[in-house]
Amino acid sequence: MAEFGWAYIECSGSGAGGGGQAAGPTGSLQFLTGSNATSGSANLTFLTSSNTLNLTGTLNVSGTINANEINIDVENRTVVNIDVSGSTKFGDTLDDSHQFTGSVHITGAVHHTYYRVQASPYTASASDYIIGVSSSGGVVIRLPSSNAASKGRLLIIKDEYSFASGRPETSSGQIAVSSSHGSGDLIDGNGFITLSGDNASITLYSSGDGNWWIT
């Protein structure tokens, strides 16, 4: 059997982390503060009641972090959520912008935003993708600024009110699609276009330079 020497621990210190006596707030992790002196900080604590390690400050890691779930919520309200199932969430408001450098491959469904218009005029928002018009009268749809939209952004406008359901096929029943008010945008070189006929639809894309184009 191996032989072990003696180890002496001084436990009679007067406090403040000296002489081997722990110091700091309850739950604080101990660190060396000097010769035979340890202490703790409220910035690094372990709460046994909730099994939680709390860190206030900067964490530098020169290795691998293994986690089942990562939640990040900072003061500027940027939110990143990655959970163990592989689901992810980025941002928490409609004006959040996410940029990727490189290729993006999507396997699965892509969910688009749908909005039903029943009153005129309606100004399309930055998140609109499909706009369904369900109104018996004439409706004006105002496009968002092309300069504010990303290049290649698509917008679909569909008449969901059939003439057979009672709307007369007259000019008052037309759908007018207008460029953004005061932006100087054009739609195929025009300030506005009209949709007429039973259940008409139109698909437009933005070139990001003040123009919307009909596909």
N, C-alpha and C. Protein backbone atom coordinates (compact mmCIF):
# COMPACT_ATOMS: atom_id res chain seq x y z
N MET A 1 0.86 -1.19 0.00
CA MET A 1 0.00 0.00 0.00
C MET A 1 0.89 1.24 0.00
N ALA A 2 0.48 2.22 -0.80
CA ALA A 2 1.26 3.45 -0.87
C ALA A 2 1.19 4.21 0.45
N GLU A 3 2.21 4.97 0.71
CA GLU A 3 2.27 5.76 1.93
C GLU A 3 1.99 7.22 1.60
N PHE A 4 1.23 7.89 2.47
CA PHE A 4 0.88 9.29 2.26
C PHE A 4 1.40 10.12 3.42
N GLY A 5 1.86 11.29 3.11
CA GLY A 5 2.30 12.18 4.17
C GLY A 5 1.13 12.90 4.79
N TRP A 6 1.42 13.82 5.65
CA TRP A 6 0.39 14.59 6.34
C TRP A 6 0.14 15.91 5.62
N ALA A 7 -1.08 16.34 5.64
CA ALA A 7 -1.45 17.65 5.11
C ALA A 7 -2.06 18.46 6.23
N TYR A 8 -1.61 19.69 6.41
CA TYR A 8 -2.10 20.52 7.50
C TYR A 8 -2.96 21.64 6.93
N ILE A 9 -4.15 21.79 7.45
CA ILE A 9 -5.05 22.86 7.02
C ILE A 9 -5.34 23.75 8.22
N GLU A 10 -5.04 25.03 8.08
CA GLU A 10 -5.29 25.99 9.16
C GLU A 10 -6.71 26.51 9.04
N CYS A 11 -7.54 26.23 10.03
CA CYS A 11 -8.95 26.63 10.00
C CYS A 11 -9.29 27.65 11.07
N SER A 12 -8.28 28.24 11.67
CA SER A 12 -8.55 29.15 12.78
C SER A 12 -8.36 30.61 12.42
N GLY A 13 -8.40 30.90 11.13
CA GLY A 13 -8.22 32.28 10.70
C GLY A 13 -9.35 33.15 11.16
N SER A 14 -9.14 34.46 11.09
CA SER A 14 -10.11 35.41 11.62
C SER A 14 -11.16 35.81 10.60
N GLY A 15 -11.06 35.31 9.34
CA GLY A 15 -12.06 35.67 8.32
C GLY A 15 -11.43 36.31 7.12
N ALA A 16 -12.27 36.93 6.29
CA ALA A 16 -11.85 37.63 5.07
C ALA A 16 -11.10 36.72 4.12
N GLY A 17 -11.34 35.41 4.24
CA GLY A 17 -10.72 34.49 3.30
C GLY A 17 -9.32 34.08 3.67
N GLY A 18 -8.77 34.52 4.75
CA GLY A 18 -7.40 34.18 5.12
C GLY A 18 -7.36 32.89 5.91
N GLY A 19 -6.19 32.24 5.89
CA GLY A 19 -5.98 31.05 6.70
C GLY A 19 -6.88 29.89 6.32
N GLY A 20 -7.33 29.80 5.04
CA GLY A 20 -8.13 28.68 4.59
C GLY A 20 -9.61 28.83 4.87
N GLN A 21 -10.02 29.94 5.42
CA GLN A 21 -11.44 30.13 5.70
C GLN A 21 -12.13 30.78 4.51
N ALA A 22 -13.24 30.16 4.04
CA ALA A 22 -13.96 30.71 2.90
C ALA A 22 -14.61 32.04 3.24
N ALA A 23 -14.71 32.92 2.25
CA ALA A 23 -15.33 34.23 2.45
C ALA A 23 -16.14 34.57 1.22
N GLY A 24 -16.92 35.64 1.34
CA GLY A 24 -17.76 36.07 0.24
C GLY A 24 -19.22 35.80 0.51
N PRO A 25 -20.11 36.25 -0.39
CA PRO A 25 -21.55 36.06 -0.18
C PRO A 25 -21.94 34.58 -0.26
N THR A 26 -23.08 34.24 0.30
CA THR A 26 -23.57 32.87 0.29
C THR A 26 -23.72 32.35 -1.15
N GLY A 27 -23.18 31.17 -1.38
CA GLY A 27 -23.27 30.57 -2.70
C GLY A 27 -22.15 30.95 -3.64
N SER A 28 -21.26 31.86 -3.25
CA SER A 28 -20.19 32.29 -4.15
C SER A 28 -19.12 31.21 -4.28
N LEU A 29 -18.61 31.05 -5.51
CA LEU A 29 -17.53 30.10 -5.74
C LEU A 29 -16.22 30.73 -5.29
N GLN A 30 -15.35 29.94 -4.69
CA GLN A 30 -14.13 30.45 -4.12
C GLN A 30 -13.00 30.50 -5.15
N PHE A 31 -12.14 31.51 -5.02
CA PHE A 31 -10.97 31.63 -5.86
C PHE A 31 -9.84 32.20 -5.02
N LEU A 32 -8.62 31.94 -5.46
CA LEU A 32 -7.44 32.37 -4.71
C LEU A 32 -7.26 33.87 -4.82
N THR A 33 -7.11 34.51 -3.67
CA THR A 33 -6.90 35.96 -3.66
C THR A 33 -5.52 36.35 -3.16
N GLY A 34 -4.78 35.40 -2.66
CA GLY A 34 -3.45 35.66 -2.13
C GLY A 34 -2.91 34.40 -1.48
N SER A 35 -1.81 34.52 -0.79
CA SER A 35 -1.21 33.38 -0.12
C SER A 35 -2.13 32.86 0.97
N ASN A 36 -2.56 31.59 0.82
CA ASN A 36 -3.45 30.96 1.79
C ASN A 36 -4.75 31.74 2.00
N ALA A 37 -5.21 32.45 0.99
CA ALA A 37 -6.42 33.25 1.14
C ALA A 37 -7.35 33.01 -0.04
N THR A 38 -8.59 32.74 0.25
CA THR A 38 -9.61 32.59 -0.79
C THR A 38 -10.78 33.51 -0.48
N SER A 39 -11.54 33.79 -1.51
CA SER A 39 -12.73 34.62 -1.32
C SER A 39 -13.71 34.32 -2.44
N GLY A 40 -14.87 34.96 -2.40
CA GLY A 40 -15.89 34.77 -3.41
C GLY A 40 -16.49 36.10 -3.82
N SER A 41 -17.30 36.07 -4.89
CA SER A 41 -17.91 37.28 -5.43
C SER A 41 -19.36 37.00 -5.77
N ALA A 42 -20.19 38.03 -5.61
CA ALA A 42 -21.60 37.91 -6.00
C ALA A 42 -21.75 37.75 -7.51
N ASN A 43 -20.68 38.01 -8.28
CA ASN A 43 -20.73 37.87 -9.73
C ASN A 43 -20.62 36.43 -10.19
N LEU A 44 -20.24 35.51 -9.27
CA LEU A 44 -20.12 34.10 -9.62
C LEU A 44 -20.64 33.27 -8.45
N THR A 45 -21.91 32.83 -8.58
CA THR A 45 -22.55 32.12 -7.48
C THR A 45 -23.23 30.86 -7.97
N PHE A 46 -23.36 29.89 -7.06
CA PHE A 46 -24.11 28.68 -7.35
C PHE A 46 -25.24 28.56 -6.35
N LEU A 47 -26.48 28.51 -6.87
CA LEU A 47 -27.66 28.44 -6.02
C LEU A 47 -28.13 27.00 -5.96
N THR A 48 -27.96 26.40 -4.80
CA THR A 48 -28.37 25.00 -4.66
C THR A 48 -29.88 24.83 -4.74
N SER A 49 -30.63 25.86 -4.37
CA SER A 49 -32.09 25.75 -4.38
C SER A 49 -32.65 25.56 -5.79
N SER A 50 -31.97 26.16 -6.78
CA SER A 50 -32.44 26.05 -8.18
C SER A 50 -31.44 25.33 -9.07
N ASN A 51 -30.34 24.84 -8.47
CA ASN A 51 -29.31 24.15 -9.24
C ASN A 51 -28.81 25.02 -10.39
N THR A 52 -28.53 26.30 -10.09
CA THR A 52 -28.20 27.28 -11.12
C THR A 52 -26.86 27.94 -10.81
N LEU A 53 -26.00 28.02 -11.83
CA LEU A 53 -24.75 28.76 -11.73
C LEU A 53 -24.94 30.11 -12.41
N ASN A 54 -24.74 31.19 -11.68
CA ASN A 54 -24.94 32.54 -12.20
C ASN A 54 -23.60 33.23 -12.40
N LEU A 55 -23.41 33.81 -13.58
CA LEU A 55 -22.19 34.57 -13.88
C LEU A 55 -22.57 35.94 -14.40
N THR A 56 -22.02 36.97 -13.79
CA THR A 56 -22.18 38.34 -14.28
C THR A 56 -20.82 38.83 -14.74
N GLY A 57 -20.69 39.12 -16.02
CA GLY A 57 -19.40 39.52 -16.57
C GLY A 57 -19.12 38.78 -17.86
N THR A 58 -17.87 38.69 -18.24
CA THR A 58 -17.45 38.09 -19.50
C THR A 58 -16.92 36.68 -19.27
N LEU A 59 -17.34 35.74 -20.11
CA LEU A 59 -16.87 34.37 -20.05
C LEU A 59 -16.04 34.08 -21.29
N ASN A 60 -14.76 33.76 -21.08
CA ASN A 60 -13.88 33.38 -22.17
C ASN A 60 -13.64 31.88 -22.12
N VAL A 61 -13.96 31.19 -23.20
CA VAL A 61 -13.84 29.73 -23.25
C VAL A 61 -12.87 29.36 -24.37
N SER A 62 -11.82 28.60 -24.01
CA SER A 62 -10.86 28.12 -25.01
C SER A 62 -11.04 26.62 -25.17
N GLY A 63 -12.26 26.22 -25.43
CA GLY A 63 -12.57 24.81 -25.56
C GLY A 63 -13.99 24.65 -26.06
N THR A 64 -14.61 23.55 -25.76
CA THR A 64 -15.94 23.23 -26.25
C THR A 64 -16.99 23.47 -25.17
N ILE A 65 -18.10 24.05 -25.57
CA ILE A 65 -19.25 24.21 -24.68
C ILE A 65 -20.32 23.21 -25.13
N ASN A 66 -20.69 22.31 -24.25
CA ASN A 66 -21.74 21.35 -24.53
C ASN A 66 -22.98 21.76 -23.75
N ALA A 67 -24.10 21.96 -24.45
CA ALA A 67 -25.32 22.41 -23.79
C ALA A 67 -26.52 21.82 -24.50
N ASN A 68 -27.56 21.50 -23.74
CA ASN A 68 -28.81 21.03 -24.32
C ASN A 68 -29.65 22.18 -24.86
N GLU A 69 -29.51 23.36 -24.27
CA GLU A 69 -30.28 24.52 -24.71
C GLU A 69 -29.52 25.79 -24.38
N ILE A 70 -29.53 26.74 -25.33
CA ILE A 70 -28.88 28.03 -25.13
C ILE A 70 -29.91 29.13 -25.38
N ASN A 71 -30.13 29.98 -24.38
CA ASN A 71 -31.03 31.12 -24.52
C ASN A 71 -30.23 32.39 -24.30
N ILE A 72 -30.33 33.33 -25.23
CA ILE A 72 -29.61 34.59 -25.12
C ILE A 72 -30.60 35.73 -25.27
N ASP A 73 -30.66 36.60 -24.29
CA ASP A 73 -31.55 37.76 -24.33
C ASP A 73 -30.80 38.94 -23.73
N VAL A 74 -30.29 39.83 -24.58
CA VAL A 74 -29.48 40.94 -24.12
C VAL A 74 -30.29 42.23 -24.19
N GLU A 75 -29.69 43.31 -23.75
CA GLU A 75 -30.43 44.56 -23.57
C GLU A 75 -31.01 45.10 -24.87
N ASN A 76 -30.37 44.83 -26.01
CA ASN A 76 -30.92 45.35 -27.27
C ASN A 76 -32.01 44.46 -27.85
N ARG A 77 -32.48 43.48 -27.03
CA ARG A 77 -33.61 42.64 -27.35
C ARG A 77 -33.34 41.67 -28.49
N THR A 78 -32.05 41.46 -28.81
CA THR A 78 -31.73 40.42 -29.77
C THR A 78 -31.85 39.07 -29.07
N VAL A 79 -32.63 38.17 -29.61
CA VAL A 79 -32.90 36.89 -28.97
C VAL A 79 -32.43 35.76 -29.86
N VAL A 80 -31.66 34.85 -29.29
CA VAL A 80 -31.23 33.64 -29.98
C VAL A 80 -31.60 32.46 -29.10
N ASN A 81 -32.30 31.50 -29.68
CA ASN A 81 -32.71 30.32 -28.93
C ASN A 81 -32.39 29.08 -29.75
N ILE A 82 -31.58 28.19 -29.18
CA ILE A 82 -31.25 26.92 -29.81
C ILE A 82 -31.50 25.83 -28.77
N ASP A 83 -32.43 24.92 -29.06
CA ASP A 83 -32.74 23.90 -28.06
C ASP A 83 -32.27 22.53 -28.51
N VAL A 84 -32.40 21.57 -27.61
CA VAL A 84 -31.85 20.24 -27.83
C VAL A 84 -32.49 19.52 -29.00
N SER A 85 -33.73 19.87 -29.35
CA SER A 85 -34.41 19.20 -30.45
C SER A 85 -33.93 19.67 -31.81
N GLY A 86 -33.13 20.74 -31.83
CA GLY A 86 -32.64 21.28 -33.09
C GLY A 86 -33.41 22.50 -33.55
N SER A 87 -34.47 22.87 -32.83
CA SER A 87 -35.24 24.06 -33.19
C SER A 87 -34.43 25.32 -32.86
N THR A 88 -34.58 26.35 -33.68
CA THR A 88 -33.88 27.61 -33.45
C THR A 88 -34.83 28.78 -33.60
N LYS A 89 -34.51 29.86 -32.91
CA LYS A 89 -35.28 31.09 -33.02
C LYS A 89 -34.31 32.25 -32.96
N PHE A 90 -34.42 33.16 -33.93
CA PHE A 90 -33.55 34.33 -33.99
C PHE A 90 -34.42 35.58 -34.08
N GLY A 91 -34.20 36.52 -33.17
CA GLY A 91 -34.95 37.77 -33.18
C GLY A 91 -36.30 37.64 -32.52
N ASP A 92 -36.91 38.79 -32.23
CA ASP A 92 -38.23 38.77 -31.60
C ASP A 92 -39.15 39.87 -32.09
N THR A 93 -38.73 40.64 -33.10
CA THR A 93 -39.59 41.67 -33.66
C THR A 93 -39.51 41.60 -35.19
N LEU A 94 -40.52 42.17 -35.88
CA LEU A 94 -40.61 42.08 -37.33
C LEU A 94 -39.51 42.83 -38.04
N ASP A 95 -38.85 43.80 -37.36
CA ASP A 95 -37.80 44.56 -38.03
C ASP A 95 -36.41 43.97 -37.79
N ASP A 96 -36.32 42.80 -37.14
CA ASP A 96 -35.03 42.14 -36.99
C ASP A 96 -34.51 41.70 -38.35
N SER A 97 -33.20 41.84 -38.57
CA SER A 97 -32.59 41.48 -39.84
C SER A 97 -31.55 40.39 -39.58
N HIS A 98 -31.57 39.33 -40.40
CA HIS A 98 -30.65 38.21 -40.23
C HIS A 98 -29.87 38.01 -41.53
N GLN A 99 -28.56 38.05 -41.45
CA GLN A 99 -27.72 37.96 -42.63
C GLN A 99 -26.87 36.69 -42.56
N PHE A 100 -26.74 36.01 -43.69
CA PHE A 100 -25.95 34.79 -43.79
C PHE A 100 -24.92 34.98 -44.89
N THR A 101 -23.70 34.59 -44.62
CA THR A 101 -22.65 34.61 -45.62
C THR A 101 -22.38 33.19 -46.06
N GLY A 102 -22.63 32.88 -47.32
CA GLY A 102 -22.49 31.52 -47.80
C GLY A 102 -23.82 30.97 -48.26
N SER A 103 -23.86 29.68 -48.51
CA SER A 103 -25.07 29.03 -49.02
C SER A 103 -26.01 28.67 -47.89
N VAL A 104 -27.31 28.74 -48.19
CA VAL A 104 -28.34 28.34 -47.24
C VAL A 104 -29.19 27.26 -47.90
N HIS A 105 -29.24 26.08 -47.31
CA HIS A 105 -30.03 24.98 -47.84
C HIS A 105 -31.19 24.72 -46.89
N ILE A 106 -32.39 24.69 -47.41
CA ILE A 106 -33.59 24.50 -46.59
C ILE A 106 -34.26 23.20 -46.98
N THR A 107 -34.43 22.32 -46.01
CA THR A 107 -35.18 21.09 -46.20
C THR A 107 -36.39 21.14 -45.28
N GLY A 108 -37.57 21.18 -45.84
CA GLY A 108 -38.77 21.33 -45.03
C GLY A 108 -39.59 22.51 -45.50
N ALA A 109 -40.64 22.80 -44.76
CA ALA A 109 -41.57 23.85 -45.16
C ALA A 109 -41.01 25.24 -44.85
N VAL A 110 -41.32 26.20 -45.73
CA VAL A 110 -41.01 27.62 -45.50
C VAL A 110 -42.33 28.33 -45.24
N HIS A 111 -42.47 28.93 -44.09
CA HIS A 111 -43.73 29.55 -43.70
C HIS A 111 -43.73 31.03 -44.07
N HIS A 112 -44.75 31.44 -44.80
CA HIS A 112 -44.88 32.82 -45.24
C HIS A 112 -46.02 33.51 -44.49
N THR A 113 -45.94 34.82 -44.43
CA THR A 113 -46.95 35.60 -43.73
C THR A 113 -48.12 35.92 -44.64
N TYR A 114 -49.32 35.66 -44.14
CA TYR A 114 -50.55 35.95 -44.90
C TYR A 114 -51.35 37.00 -44.15
N TYR A 115 -51.92 37.94 -44.92
CA TYR A 115 -52.77 38.96 -44.32
C TYR A 115 -54.02 39.14 -45.18
N ARG A 116 -55.18 39.16 -44.54
CA ARG A 116 -56.44 39.37 -45.27
C ARG A 116 -56.88 40.81 -45.14
N VAL A 117 -57.12 41.45 -46.29
CA VAL A 117 -57.51 42.87 -46.33
C VAL A 117 -59.02 42.95 -46.52
N GLN A 118 -59.67 43.71 -45.65
CA GLN A 118 -61.12 43.90 -45.75
C GLN A 118 -61.50 45.38 -45.76
N ALA A 119 -60.50 46.25 -45.61
CA ALA A 119 -60.77 47.70 -45.62
C ALA A 119 -59.68 48.39 -46.42
N SER A 120 -60.02 49.52 -47.02
CA SER A 120 -59.11 50.27 -47.87
C SER A 120 -58.82 51.63 -47.25
N PRO A 121 -57.60 52.16 -47.43
CA PRO A 121 -56.45 51.52 -48.08
C PRO A 121 -55.68 50.64 -47.09
N TYR A 122 -54.84 49.77 -47.65
CA TYR A 122 -53.98 48.95 -46.81
C TYR A 122 -52.54 49.10 -47.28
N THR A 123 -51.63 49.39 -46.35
CA THR A 123 -50.21 49.49 -46.67
C THR A 123 -49.51 48.21 -46.24
N ALA A 124 -48.94 47.52 -47.20
CA ALA A 124 -48.28 46.24 -46.92
C ALA A 124 -47.11 46.47 -45.96
N SER A 125 -46.95 45.55 -45.02
CA SER A 125 -45.87 45.65 -44.05
C SER A 125 -44.64 44.91 -44.57
N ALA A 126 -43.55 45.06 -43.82
CA ALA A 126 -42.30 44.42 -44.23
C ALA A 126 -42.38 42.91 -44.14
N SER A 127 -43.34 42.39 -43.37
CA SER A 127 -43.44 40.94 -43.20
C SER A 127 -44.47 40.29 -44.11
N ASP A 128 -45.26 41.07 -44.83
CA ASP A 128 -46.30 40.50 -45.69
C ASP A 128 -45.69 39.74 -46.86
N TYR A 129 -46.29 38.61 -47.17
CA TYR A 129 -45.89 37.84 -48.35
C TYR A 129 -47.10 37.59 -49.25
N ILE A 130 -48.20 37.12 -48.66
CA ILE A 130 -49.44 36.92 -49.41
C ILE A 130 -50.51 37.83 -48.82
N ILE A 131 -51.13 38.63 -49.68
CA ILE A 131 -52.21 39.53 -49.26
C ILE A 131 -53.48 39.08 -49.97
N GLY A 132 -54.46 38.65 -49.20
CA GLY A 132 -55.74 38.27 -49.75
C GLY A 132 -56.75 39.37 -49.55
N VAL A 133 -57.38 39.82 -50.63
CA VAL A 133 -58.34 40.92 -50.58
C VAL A 133 -59.74 40.34 -50.53
N SER A 134 -60.42 40.57 -49.42
CA SER A 134 -61.79 40.06 -49.24
C SER A 134 -62.70 41.23 -48.94
N SER A 135 -63.04 41.98 -49.97
CA SER A 135 -63.87 43.17 -49.83
C SER A 135 -64.77 43.29 -51.04
N SER A 136 -66.00 43.71 -50.82
CA SER A 136 -66.96 43.83 -51.92
C SER A 136 -66.77 45.12 -52.71
N GLY A 137 -66.00 46.06 -52.16
CA GLY A 137 -65.79 47.33 -52.85
C GLY A 137 -64.36 47.46 -53.36
N GLY A 138 -64.06 48.62 -53.91
CA GLY A 138 -62.71 48.88 -54.41
C GLY A 138 -61.72 48.98 -53.26
N VAL A 139 -60.51 48.49 -53.48
CA VAL A 139 -59.47 48.45 -52.45
C VAL A 139 -58.17 48.96 -53.04
N VAL A 140 -57.46 49.75 -52.24
CA VAL A 140 -56.13 50.24 -52.62
C VAL A 140 -55.10 49.53 -51.74
N ILE A 141 -54.13 48.89 -52.39
CA ILE A 141 -53.02 48.24 -51.70
C ILE A 141 -51.76 49.05 -51.98
N ARG A 142 -51.15 49.55 -50.92
CA ARG A 142 -49.92 50.32 -51.07
C ARG A 142 -48.72 49.42 -50.77
N LEU A 143 -47.77 49.39 -51.68
CA LEU A 143 -46.60 48.56 -51.50
C LEU A 143 -45.61 49.21 -50.54
N PRO A 144 -44.82 48.41 -49.82
CA PRO A 144 -43.74 48.99 -49.01
C PRO A 144 -42.65 49.52 -49.93
N SER A 145 -41.79 50.34 -49.40
CA SER A 145 -40.72 50.91 -50.22
C SER A 145 -39.82 49.82 -50.76
N SER A 146 -39.52 49.88 -52.04
CA SER A 146 -38.63 48.90 -52.65
C SER A 146 -37.22 49.01 -52.08
N ASN A 147 -36.81 50.23 -51.75
CA ASN A 147 -35.47 50.43 -51.20
C ASN A 147 -35.33 49.78 -49.83
N ALA A 148 -36.45 49.71 -49.09
CA ALA A 148 -36.41 49.10 -47.77
C ALA A 148 -36.54 47.59 -47.83
N ALA A 149 -37.03 47.07 -48.95
CA ALA A 149 -37.21 45.63 -49.11
C ALA A 149 -35.92 45.01 -49.65
N SER A 150 -35.71 43.76 -49.32
CA SER A 150 -34.53 43.07 -49.83
C SER A 150 -34.70 42.75 -51.30
N LYS A 151 -33.61 42.71 -52.01
CA LYS A 151 -33.66 42.40 -53.44
C LYS A 151 -34.24 41.00 -53.64
N GLY A 152 -35.17 40.91 -54.58
CA GLY A 152 -35.78 39.63 -54.88
C GLY A 152 -36.95 39.27 -53.98
N ARG A 153 -37.32 40.18 -53.09
CA ARG A 153 -38.46 39.89 -52.22
C ARG A 153 -39.74 39.79 -53.03
N LEU A 154 -40.55 38.77 -52.75
CA LEU A 154 -41.78 38.54 -53.48
C LEU A 154 -42.99 39.00 -52.67
N LEU A 155 -44.00 39.47 -53.37
CA LEU A 155 -45.27 39.86 -52.75
C LEU A 155 -46.39 39.42 -53.68
N ILE A 156 -47.33 38.66 -53.14
CA ILE A 156 -48.46 38.15 -53.91
C ILE A 156 -49.74 38.82 -53.43
N ILE A 157 -50.54 39.35 -54.36
CA ILE A 157 -51.82 39.97 -54.04
C ILE A 157 -52.90 39.20 -54.78
N LYS A 158 -53.90 38.72 -54.03
CA LYS A 158 -54.93 37.87 -54.60
C LYS A 158 -56.32 38.38 -54.23
N ASP A 159 -57.20 38.46 -55.25
CA ASP A 159 -58.60 38.83 -55.03
C ASP A 159 -59.35 37.58 -54.55
N GLU A 160 -59.82 37.60 -53.31
CA GLU A 160 -60.51 36.45 -52.74
C GLU A 160 -62.03 36.60 -52.77
N TYR A 161 -62.50 37.71 -53.33
CA TYR A 161 -63.95 37.96 -53.35
C TYR A 161 -64.47 37.68 -54.75
N SER A 162 -65.14 36.56 -54.93
CA SER A 162 -65.64 36.18 -56.26
C SER A 162 -66.83 37.04 -56.66
N PHE A 163 -66.89 37.36 -57.95
CA PHE A 163 -68.06 38.09 -58.46
C PHE A 163 -69.32 37.27 -58.24
N ALA A 164 -69.18 35.95 -58.31
CA ALA A 164 -70.34 35.08 -58.11
C ALA A 164 -70.90 35.22 -56.70
N SER A 165 -70.07 35.76 -55.79
CA SER A 165 -70.52 35.95 -54.41
C SER A 165 -71.22 37.28 -54.23
N GLY A 166 -71.27 38.10 -55.29
CA GLY A 166 -72.06 39.31 -55.17
C GLY A 166 -71.36 40.60 -55.52
N ARG A 167 -70.01 40.63 -55.71
CA ARG A 167 -69.36 41.90 -56.02
C ARG A 167 -69.49 42.18 -57.51
N PRO A 168 -69.99 43.34 -57.88
CA PRO A 168 -70.17 43.64 -59.30
C PRO A 168 -68.83 43.83 -60.00
N GLU A 169 -68.79 43.41 -61.25
CA GLU A 169 -67.56 43.57 -62.03
C GLU A 169 -67.55 44.98 -62.66
N THR A 170 -67.26 45.94 -61.80
CA THR A 170 -67.22 47.33 -62.23
C THR A 170 -65.93 47.95 -61.73
N SER A 171 -65.69 49.16 -62.12
CA SER A 171 -64.47 49.85 -61.70
C SER A 171 -64.42 50.02 -60.19
N SER A 172 -65.60 50.10 -59.56
CA SER A 172 -65.62 50.27 -58.11
C SER A 172 -65.17 49.01 -57.39
N GLY A 173 -65.19 47.88 -58.12
CA GLY A 173 -64.77 46.63 -57.51
C GLY A 173 -63.33 46.28 -57.80
N GLN A 174 -62.61 47.18 -58.46
CA GLN A 174 -61.23 46.90 -58.81
C GLN A 174 -60.31 46.99 -57.59
N ILE A 175 -59.15 46.34 -57.73
CA ILE A 175 -58.09 46.44 -56.73
C ILE A 175 -56.97 47.26 -57.35
N ALA A 176 -56.65 48.37 -56.71
CA ALA A 176 -55.56 49.23 -57.18
C ALA A 176 -54.32 48.95 -56.34
N VAL A 177 -53.22 48.65 -57.01
CA VAL A 177 -51.93 48.40 -56.35
C VAL A 177 -51.06 49.61 -56.61
N SER A 178 -50.70 50.31 -55.53
CA SER A 178 -49.98 51.57 -55.65
C SER A 178 -48.59 51.46 -55.07
N SER A 179 -47.65 52.20 -55.65
CA SER A 179 -46.31 52.26 -55.07
C SER A 179 -46.36 53.04 -53.76
N SER A 180 -45.31 52.94 -52.97
CA SER A 180 -45.27 53.61 -51.68
C SER A 180 -45.47 55.11 -51.85
N HIS A 181 -46.31 55.68 -51.00
CA HIS A 181 -46.61 57.11 -51.08
C HIS A 181 -45.36 57.93 -50.79
N GLY A 182 -44.97 58.77 -51.74
CA GLY A 182 -43.83 59.67 -51.54
C GLY A 182 -42.48 59.03 -51.73
N SER A 183 -42.43 57.73 -52.05
CA SER A 183 -41.13 57.07 -52.17
C SER A 183 -40.55 57.16 -53.58
N GLY A 184 -41.41 57.44 -54.55
CA GLY A 184 -40.95 57.49 -55.94
C GLY A 184 -40.82 56.13 -56.58
N ASP A 185 -41.29 55.09 -55.90
CA ASP A 185 -41.24 53.74 -56.47
C ASP A 185 -42.16 53.63 -57.69
N LEU A 186 -41.83 52.69 -58.55
CA LEU A 186 -42.65 52.42 -59.73
C LEU A 186 -42.93 50.92 -59.81
N ILE A 187 -44.05 50.59 -60.44
CA ILE A 187 -44.43 49.20 -60.69
C ILE A 187 -44.41 48.99 -62.20
N ASP A 188 -43.39 48.31 -62.69
CA ASP A 188 -43.21 48.18 -64.14
C ASP A 188 -43.25 49.54 -64.82
N GLY A 189 -42.68 50.54 -64.18
CA GLY A 189 -42.62 51.88 -64.75
C GLY A 189 -43.84 52.73 -64.51
N ASN A 190 -44.83 52.21 -63.77
CA ASN A 190 -46.07 52.94 -63.50
C ASN A 190 -46.22 53.23 -62.01
N GLY A 191 -46.97 54.27 -61.71
CA GLY A 191 -47.22 54.62 -60.32
C GLY A 191 -48.19 53.67 -59.65
N PHE A 192 -49.09 53.09 -60.45
CA PHE A 192 -50.03 52.11 -59.90
C PHE A 192 -50.53 51.23 -61.03
N ILE A 193 -51.10 50.11 -60.65
CA ILE A 193 -51.75 49.21 -61.59
C ILE A 193 -53.08 48.78 -60.97
N THR A 194 -53.98 48.24 -61.80
CA THR A 194 -55.27 47.77 -61.28
C THR A 194 -55.47 46.31 -61.63
N LEU A 195 -56.14 45.62 -60.72
CA LEU A 195 -56.54 44.24 -60.95
C LEU A 195 -58.05 44.21 -61.13
N SER A 196 -58.50 43.59 -62.15
CA SER A 196 -59.93 43.43 -62.36
C SER A 196 -60.19 42.04 -62.93
N GLY A 197 -61.41 41.62 -62.81
CA GLY A 197 -61.76 40.28 -63.23
C GLY A 197 -61.94 39.39 -62.00
N ASP A 198 -62.57 38.26 -62.21
CA ASP A 198 -62.90 37.38 -61.11
C ASP A 198 -61.66 36.71 -60.54
N ASN A 199 -61.40 36.94 -59.24
CA ASN A 199 -60.30 36.31 -58.51
C ASN A 199 -58.94 36.53 -59.16
N ALA A 200 -58.72 37.74 -59.62
CA ALA A 200 -57.43 38.07 -60.23
C ALA A 200 -56.32 38.06 -59.17
N SER A 201 -55.08 37.91 -59.62
CA SER A 201 -53.94 37.92 -58.71
C SER A 201 -52.74 38.48 -59.43
N ILE A 202 -51.75 38.89 -58.65
CA ILE A 202 -50.51 39.43 -59.21
C ILE A 202 -49.37 39.09 -58.27
N THR A 203 -48.21 38.80 -58.85
CA THR A 203 -47.00 38.55 -58.08
C THR A 203 -45.95 39.58 -58.48
N LEU A 204 -45.37 40.24 -57.48
CA LEU A 204 -44.37 41.26 -57.74
C LEU A 204 -43.09 40.91 -57.00
N TYR A 205 -41.97 41.43 -57.53
CA TYR A 205 -40.71 41.29 -56.81
C TYR A 205 -40.00 42.64 -56.78
N SER A 206 -39.21 42.83 -55.75
CA SER A 206 -38.47 44.07 -55.57
C SER A 206 -37.04 43.92 -56.09
N SER A 207 -36.58 44.91 -56.83
CA SER A 207 -35.18 44.93 -57.26
C SER A 207 -34.32 45.74 -56.30
N GLY A 208 -34.95 46.29 -55.25
CA GLY A 208 -34.21 46.99 -54.23
C GLY A 208 -33.67 48.35 -54.64
N ASP A 209 -34.12 48.85 -55.78
CA ASP A 209 -33.59 50.13 -56.28
C ASP A 209 -34.70 51.10 -56.64
N GLY A 210 -35.86 50.97 -55.95
CA GLY A 210 -36.97 51.87 -56.23
C GLY A 210 -37.95 51.31 -57.22
N ASN A 211 -37.84 50.04 -57.55
CA ASN A 211 -38.73 49.45 -58.55
C ASN A 211 -39.32 48.13 -58.06
N TRP A 212 -40.62 47.97 -58.33
CA TRP A 212 -41.29 46.71 -58.19
C TRP A 212 -41.63 46.22 -59.59
N TRP A 213 -41.46 44.91 -59.80
CA TRP A 213 -41.65 44.35 -61.14
C TRP A 213 -42.68 43.22 -61.05
N ILE A 214 -43.49 43.12 -62.10
CA ILE A 214 -44.50 42.07 -62.20
C ILE A 214 -43.86 40.84 -62.83
N THR A 215 -44.03 39.69 -62.19
CA THR A 215 -43.45 38.46 -62.75
C THR A 215 -44.32 37.92 -63.89
